[in-house]
């Protein structure tokens, strides 16, 4: 049954819920928190192995080269210093990139959002009341969006446009 649900296209109600989710994310009314241990591992759609491997592997390899060329003490000091810099600076940058990649993946399509939700490691939180949240995959993000962001589910096509009836070419000729 779960495989059939993944392969089906979203119905109109699910599309409206997904649209509301995207609008809430763009308006920063919905915050996305991650369980880094769960979402940043092999099998996750947003996992990048090189992003996790290179920041640690590079200083170790350079340190080993320094051990062989300049001495054991100098090489080990280099490795320790670089690992301290990694834990205090680069790890925060990598977490920020993971959050941005996750947001981009969620907003790239309903199927991607549902796939990541089913994988787990996400928490959607109402930015105006941080006690209101929904944890993946146990919670239902659709119900959460309907309960807290239903105002984003309506189309704003009925609002009058503020532009004039003139075409851009007519406006340019009048200003020239």
Protein backbone atom coordinates (compact mmCIF):
# COMPACT_ATOMS: atom_id res chain seq x y z
CA UNK A 1 0.00 0.00 0.00
CA UNK A 2 2.85 2.40 0.77
CA UNK A 3 4.41 1.86 -2.67
CA UNK A 4 1.13 2.65 -4.39
CA UNK A 5 0.82 5.91 -2.51
CA UNK A 6 4.32 6.99 -3.55
CA UNK A 7 3.61 6.34 -7.22
CA UNK A 8 0.27 8.18 -7.35
CA UNK A 9 0.01 11.84 -8.20
CA UNK A 10 -1.29 14.17 -5.52
CA UNK A 11 -4.96 15.06 -5.66
CA UNK A 12 -6.21 18.65 -5.64
CA UNK A 13 -6.41 18.83 -1.84
CA UNK A 14 -2.85 17.53 -1.45
CA UNK A 15 -1.64 20.05 -4.04
CA UNK A 16 -3.28 22.87 -2.07
CA UNK A 17 -1.67 21.62 1.15
CA UNK A 18 1.70 21.43 -0.56
CA UNK A 19 1.26 24.95 -1.97
CA UNK A 20 0.44 26.21 1.52
CA UNK A 21 3.54 24.47 2.87
CA UNK A 22 5.73 26.19 0.27
CA UNK A 23 4.17 29.58 0.96
CA UNK A 24 4.64 29.16 4.70
CA UNK A 25 8.30 28.24 4.18
CA UNK A 26 8.85 31.24 1.90
CA UNK A 27 7.12 33.57 4.36
CA UNK A 28 9.26 32.09 7.16
CA UNK A 29 6.12 31.18 9.09
CA UNK A 30 7.14 27.53 9.07
CA UNK A 31 10.56 26.53 10.32
CA UNK A 32 12.27 23.28 9.39
CA UNK A 33 14.47 21.61 11.97
CA UNK A 34 16.54 18.54 11.23
CA UNK A 35 17.69 15.49 13.10
CA UNK A 36 21.18 15.63 11.59
CA UNK A 37 22.06 12.10 12.60
CA UNK A 38 19.08 10.72 10.75
CA UNK A 39 18.84 12.95 7.69
CA UNK A 40 22.56 13.28 6.95
CA UNK A 41 23.30 9.61 6.27
CA UNK A 42 23.37 7.29 3.27
CA UNK A 43 19.92 6.63 1.89
CA UNK A 44 18.67 10.14 2.58
CA UNK A 45 17.68 12.11 -0.53
CA UNK A 46 19.63 15.15 0.70
CA UNK A 47 22.79 13.30 1.80
CA UNK A 48 26.02 14.31 0.06
CA UNK A 49 28.87 11.91 0.88
CA UNK A 50 31.59 14.23 -0.42
CA UNK A 51 30.38 17.04 1.79
CA UNK A 52 30.86 14.78 4.78
CA UNK A 53 34.07 13.07 3.71
CA UNK A 54 36.26 15.82 2.24
CA UNK A 55 36.39 18.20 5.24
CA UNK A 56 37.84 15.42 7.39
CA UNK A 57 39.81 13.46 4.81
CA UNK A 58 41.70 16.46 3.40
CA UNK A 59 43.40 17.53 6.68
CA UNK A 60 44.23 13.92 7.52
CA UNK A 61 45.91 13.32 4.15
CA UNK A 62 47.80 16.63 4.32
CA UNK A 63 48.77 15.81 7.91
CA UNK A 64 50.11 12.41 6.87
CA UNK A 65 52.16 14.05 4.13
CA UNK A 66 53.49 16.54 6.70
CA UNK A 67 54.34 13.67 9.06
CA UNK A 68 56.43 12.07 6.36
CA UNK A 69 58.06 15.28 5.17
CA UNK A 70 58.34 17.63 8.16
CA UNK A 71 58.12 15.39 11.20
CA UNK A 72 55.62 13.55 13.35
CA UNK A 73 55.00 16.36 15.82
CA UNK A 74 54.32 18.97 13.14
CA UNK A 75 51.99 16.66 11.20
CA UNK A 76 49.98 15.65 14.27
CA UNK A 77 49.68 19.27 15.39
CA UNK A 78 48.38 20.17 11.93
CA UNK A 79 45.78 17.37 12.02
CA UNK A 80 44.59 18.33 15.51
CA UNK A 81 44.37 22.03 14.62
CA UNK A 82 42.44 21.34 11.42
CA UNK A 83 40.00 19.00 13.16
CA UNK A 84 39.37 21.67 15.80
CA UNK A 85 38.71 24.21 13.06
CA UNK A 86 36.40 21.70 11.36
CA UNK A 87 34.33 21.14 14.50
CA UNK A 88 34.06 24.84 15.34
CA UNK A 89 33.60 26.39 11.89
CA UNK A 90 33.08 24.02 8.96
CA UNK A 91 30.56 21.79 10.67
CA UNK A 92 28.23 24.77 11.22
CA UNK A 93 28.59 25.72 7.55
CA UNK A 94 27.81 22.15 6.49
CA UNK A 95 24.71 22.08 8.71
CA UNK A 96 23.52 25.33 7.16
CA UNK A 97 24.07 23.92 3.65
CA UNK A 98 22.15 20.78 4.63
CA UNK A 99 19.21 22.86 5.84
CA UNK A 100 19.18 24.89 2.62
CA UNK A 101 19.45 21.73 0.50
CA UNK A 102 16.59 20.18 2.48
CA UNK A 103 14.39 23.26 1.98
CA UNK A 104 15.16 23.24 -1.74
CA UNK A 105 14.34 19.54 -1.95
CA UNK A 106 11.06 19.95 -0.08
CA UNK A 107 9.96 22.86 -2.24
CA UNK A 108 11.00 21.19 -5.51
CA UNK A 109 7.93 18.98 -5.73
CA UNK A 110 5.22 17.20 -3.80
CA UNK A 111 6.76 13.79 -4.41
CA UNK A 112 10.13 14.94 -3.06
CA UNK A 113 8.50 16.42 0.01
CA UNK A 114 6.59 13.21 0.71
CA UNK A 115 9.70 11.08 0.10
CA UNK A 116 11.77 13.10 2.57
CA UNK A 117 8.92 13.10 5.09
CA UNK A 118 8.64 9.32 4.86
CA UNK A 119 12.42 9.03 5.36
CA UNK A 120 12.19 11.00 8.60
CA UNK A 121 14.50 13.36 10.40
CA UNK A 122 12.37 16.47 9.81
CA UNK A 123 10.44 18.62 12.23
CA UNK A 124 8.06 21.31 10.99
CA UNK A 125 7.47 24.04 13.57
CA UNK A 126 5.10 26.99 13.53
CA UNK A 127 7.38 30.04 13.75
CA UNK A 128 4.78 32.03 15.70
CA UNK A 129 4.27 29.33 18.33
CA UNK A 130 7.24 27.01 18.69
CA UNK A 131 5.19 24.58 20.79
CA UNK A 132 3.24 23.63 17.66
CA UNK A 133 5.21 21.17 15.58
CA UNK A 134 5.05 17.99 13.56
CA UNK A 135 7.75 15.30 13.57
CA UNK A 136 8.47 13.08 10.57
CA UNK A 137 7.52 10.35 9.79
CA UNK A 138 5.15 9.77 12.74
CA UNK A 139 3.22 13.03 12.33
CA UNK A 140 1.04 14.07 9.42
CA UNK A 141 2.46 17.19 7.78
CA UNK A 142 -0.71 17.68 5.77
CA UNK A 143 -2.89 17.98 8.87
CA UNK A 144 -0.31 20.29 10.44
CA UNK A 145 -0.39 22.58 7.40
CA UNK A 146 -4.21 22.59 7.31
CA UNK A 147 -4.44 23.41 11.02
CA UNK A 148 -1.84 26.18 11.10
CA UNK A 149 -1.41 27.53 7.57
CA UNK A 150 -4.80 27.12 5.92
CA UNK A 151 -4.81 30.80 4.94
CA UNK A 152 -2.00 29.99 2.48
CA UNK A 153 -4.18 27.39 0.76
CA UNK A 154 -6.33 29.95 -1.03
CA UNK A 155 -5.34 31.38 -4.38
CA UNK A 156 -4.71 35.10 -4.42
CA UNK A 157 -5.77 35.43 -8.06
CA UNK A 158 -8.88 37.45 -7.12
CA UNK A 159 -6.83 40.41 -5.90
CA UNK A 160 -6.69 43.32 -8.32
CA UNK A 161 -3.34 44.00 -9.90
CA UNK A 162 -1.65 47.31 -9.13
CA UNK A 163 -0.21 47.70 -12.61
CA UNK A 164 -1.83 49.75 -15.34
CA UNK A 165 -3.49 48.36 -18.44
CA UNK A 166 -0.59 49.54 -20.59
CA UNK A 167 1.92 47.14 -22.00
CA UNK A 168 5.61 47.53 -21.05
CA UNK A 169 6.40 48.86 -24.53
CA UNK A 170 3.79 51.65 -24.16
CA UNK A 171 5.20 52.60 -20.75
CA UNK A 172 8.74 52.81 -22.14
CA UNK A 173 7.68 55.06 -25.04
CA UNK A 174 5.89 57.47 -22.67
CA UNK A 175 8.90 57.78 -20.35
CA UNK A 176 11.42 58.26 -23.20
